[in-house]
Amino acid sequence: MPRPTSYASGTDTIRYDEFARRYREELQQPERAQALEQLKKLAKGKLTLLTATKQAEISQAAVLADILK
Protein backbone atom coordinates (compact mmCIF):
# COMPACT_ATOMS: atom_id res chain seq x y z
CA MET A 1 0.00 0.00 0.00
CA PRO A 2 1.32 3.48 -0.75
CA ARG A 3 2.72 5.18 2.31
CA PRO A 4 3.30 8.87 2.90
CA THR A 5 6.85 10.03 3.57
CA SER A 6 8.13 11.80 6.68
CA TYR A 7 6.02 14.95 6.19
CA ALA A 8 2.95 12.82 6.79
CA SER A 9 1.77 14.16 10.07
CA GLY A 10 -1.88 14.57 9.28
CA THR A 11 -2.73 14.65 12.97
CA ASP A 12 -3.23 18.42 12.99
CA THR A 13 -6.48 19.41 11.28
CA ILE A 14 -5.00 22.77 10.29
CA ARG A 15 -2.16 21.02 8.44
CA TYR A 16 -4.32 18.26 7.00
CA ASP A 17 -5.07 20.07 3.74
CA GLU A 18 -1.35 20.45 3.05
CA PHE A 19 -0.72 16.85 4.10
CA ALA A 20 -3.47 15.58 1.80
CA ARG A 21 -2.19 17.66 -1.13
CA ARG A 22 1.36 16.35 -0.72
CA TYR A 23 0.20 12.77 -0.27
CA ARG A 24 -1.87 12.99 -3.46
CA GLU A 25 1.22 14.32 -5.28
CA GLU A 26 3.28 11.46 -3.88
CA LEU A 27 0.72 8.96 -5.13
CA GLN A 28 1.37 10.20 -8.66
CA GLN A 29 4.94 8.83 -8.62
CA PRO A 30 5.09 5.84 -10.99
CA GLU A 31 5.59 3.06 -8.44
CA ARG A 32 2.98 4.48 -6.08
CA ALA A 33 0.55 5.21 -8.90
CA GLN A 34 0.80 1.56 -9.88
CA ALA A 35 0.02 0.48 -6.30
CA LEU A 36 -2.91 2.90 -6.23
CA GLU A 37 -4.27 1.37 -9.45
CA GLN A 38 -4.16 -2.04 -7.77
CA LEU A 39 -6.14 -0.62 -4.84
CA LYS A 40 -8.67 0.86 -7.25
CA LYS A 41 -9.18 -2.58 -8.79
CA LEU A 42 -9.70 -4.07 -5.33
CA ALA A 43 -12.07 -1.26 -4.40
CA LYS A 44 -14.54 -2.40 -7.04
CA GLY A 45 -15.53 -4.95 -4.44
CA LYS A 46 -15.56 -4.30 -0.73
CA LEU A 47 -12.28 -2.82 0.51
CA THR A 48 -11.45 -2.04 4.12
CA LEU A 49 -8.71 0.50 4.83
CA LEU A 50 -7.03 0.21 8.22
CA THR A 51 -5.10 2.87 10.07
CA ALA A 52 -3.52 3.06 13.50
CA THR A 53 -4.16 6.76 13.91
CA LYS A 54 -6.52 8.06 16.56
CA GLN A 55 -8.01 10.51 14.07
CA ALA A 56 -8.86 8.49 10.95
CA GLU A 57 -10.63 11.44 9.33
CA ILE A 58 -7.29 13.24 8.97
CA SER A 59 -5.06 10.36 7.95
CA GLN A 60 -3.64 8.80 4.80
CA ALA A 61 -6.55 6.35 4.99
CA ALA A 62 -8.96 9.28 4.62
CA VAL A 63 -7.07 10.52 1.56
CA LEU A 64 -7.08 7.04 0.02
CA ALA A 65 -10.77 6.57 0.77
CA ASP A 66 -11.55 9.85 -0.98
CA ILE A 67 -9.50 8.86 -4.02
CA LEU A 68 -11.13 5.42 -4.18
CA LYS A 69 -14.72 6.73 -4.09
C-alpha atoms as a PDB file:
ATOM      1  CA  MET A   1       0.000   0.000   0.000  1.00  0.00           C
ATOM      2  CA  PRO A   2       1.320   3.483  -0.747  1.00  0.00           C
ATOM      3  CA  ARG A   3       2.722   5.184   2.312  1.00  0.00           C
ATOM      4  CA  PRO A   4       3.297   8.873   2.899  1.00  0.00           C
ATOM      5  CA  THR A   5       6.847  10.026   3.574  1.00  0.00           C
ATOM      6  CA  SER A   6       8.131  11.803   6.678  1.00  0.00           C
ATOM      7  CA  TYR A   7       6.023  14.954   6.190  1.00  0.00           C
ATOM      8  CA  ALA A   8       2.951  12.823   6.788  1.00  0.00           C
ATOM      9  CA  SER A   9       1.768  14.165  10.067  1.00  0.00           C
ATOM     10  CA  GLY A  10      -1.884  14.567   9.282  1.00  0.00           C
ATOM     11  CA  THR A  11      -2.728  14.654  12.970  1.00  0.00           C
ATOM     12  CA  ASP A  12      -3.229  18.424  12.989  1.00  0.00           C
ATOM     13  CA  THR A  13      -6.482  19.408  11.280  1.00  0.00           C
ATOM     14  CA  ILE A  14      -4.998  22.769  10.288  1.00  0.00           C
ATOM     15  CA  ARG A  15      -2.158  21.018   8.443  1.00  0.00           C
ATOM     16  CA  TYR A  16      -4.325  18.260   7.000  1.00  0.00           C
ATOM     17  CA  ASP A  17      -5.072  20.067   3.736  1.00  0.00           C
ATOM     18  CA  GLU A  18      -1.353  20.454   3.049  1.00  0.00           C
ATOM     19  CA  PHE A  19      -0.716  16.847   4.100  1.00  0.00           C
ATOM     20  CA  ALA A  20      -3.474  15.575   1.795  1.00  0.00           C
ATOM     21  CA  ARG A  21      -2.191  17.659  -1.126  1.00  0.00           C
ATOM     22  CA  ARG A  22       1.356  16.352  -0.717  1.00  0.00           C
ATOM     23  CA  TYR A  23       0.195  12.768  -0.267  1.00  0.00           C
ATOM     24  CA  ARG A  24      -1.870  12.992  -3.464  1.00  0.00           C
ATOM     25  CA  GLU A  25       1.215  14.317  -5.276  1.00  0.00           C
ATOM     26  CA  GLU A  26       3.279  11.458  -3.882  1.00  0.00           C
ATOM     27  CA  LEU A  27       0.720   8.961  -5.128  1.00  0.00           C
ATOM     28  CA  GLN A  28       1.374  10.196  -8.665  1.00  0.00           C
ATOM     29  CA  GLN A  29       4.937   8.830  -8.622  1.00  0.00           C
ATOM     30  CA  PRO A  30       5.090   5.837 -10.994  1.00  0.00           C
ATOM     31  CA  GLU A  31       5.589   3.063  -8.437  1.00  0.00           C
ATOM     32  CA  ARG A  32       2.977   4.481  -6.082  1.00  0.00           C
ATOM     33  CA  ALA A  33       0.550   5.211  -8.899  1.00  0.00           C
ATOM     34  CA  GLN A  34       0.801   1.560  -9.878  1.00  0.00           C
ATOM     35  CA  ALA A  35       0.022   0.476  -6.303  1.00  0.00           C
ATOM     36  CA  LEU A  36      -2.909   2.900  -6.231  1.00  0.00           C
ATOM     37  CA  GLU A  37      -4.271   1.374  -9.446  1.00  0.00           C
ATOM     38  CA  GLN A  38      -4.162  -2.042  -7.769  1.00  0.00           C
ATOM     39  CA  LEU A  39      -6.136  -0.623  -4.840  1.00  0.00           C
ATOM     40  CA  LYS A  40      -8.668   0.855  -7.248  1.00  0.00           C
ATOM     41  CA  LYS A  41      -9.177  -2.584  -8.789  1.00  0.00           C
ATOM     42  CA  LEU A  42      -9.697  -4.070  -5.333  1.00  0.00           C
ATOM     43  CA  ALA A  43     -12.066  -1.257  -4.398  1.00  0.00           C
ATOM     44  CA  LYS A  44     -14.545  -2.397  -7.040  1.00  0.00           C
ATOM     45  CA  GLY A  45     -15.529  -4.952  -4.441  1.00  0.00           C
ATOM     46  CA  LYS A  46     -15.556  -4.299  -0.725  1.00  0.00           C
ATOM     47  CA  LEU A  47     -12.284  -2.819   0.506  1.00  0.00           C
ATOM     48  CA  THR A  48     -11.451  -2.038   4.121  1.00  0.00           C
ATOM     49  CA  LEU A  49      -8.707   0.499   4.835  1.00  0.00           C
ATOM     50  CA  LEU A  50      -7.028   0.210   8.221  1.00  0.00           C
ATOM     51  CA  THR A  51      -5.095   2.869  10.069  1.00  0.00           C
ATOM     52  CA  ALA A  52      -3.520   3.060  13.496  1.00  0.00           C
ATOM     53  CA  THR A  53      -4.157   6.763  13.912  1.00  0.00           C
ATOM     54  CA  LYS A  54      -6.516   8.059  16.565  1.00  0.00           C
ATOM     55  CA  GLN A  55      -8.015  10.509  14.065  1.00  0.00           C
ATOM     56  CA  ALA A  56      -8.861   8.487  10.954  1.00  0.00           C
ATOM     57  CA  GLU A  57     -10.631  11.435   9.329  1.00  0.00           C
ATOM     58  CA  ILE A  58      -7.289  13.244   8.969  1.00  0.00           C
ATOM     59  CA  SER A  59      -5.057  10.364   7.946  1.00  0.00           C
ATOM     60  CA  GLN A  60      -3.637   8.804   4.803  1.00  0.00           C
ATOM     61  CA  ALA A  61      -6.553   6.350   4.987  1.00  0.00           C
ATOM     62  CA  ALA A  62      -8.964   9.281   4.616  1.00  0.00           C
ATOM     63  CA  VAL A  63      -7.075  10.524   1.559  1.00  0.00           C
ATOM     64  CA  LEU A  64      -7.084   7.043   0.022  1.00  0.00           C
ATOM     65  CA  ALA A  65     -10.773   6.565   0.766  1.00  0.00           C
ATOM     66  CA  ASP A  66     -11.550   9.849  -0.975  1.00  0.00           C
ATOM     67  CA  ILE A  67      -9.495   8.860  -4.021  1.00  0.00           C
ATOM     68  CA  LEU A  68     -11.133   5.420  -4.181  1.00  0.00           C
ATOM     69  CA  LYS A  69     -14.719   6.731  -4.086  1.00  0.00           C
END
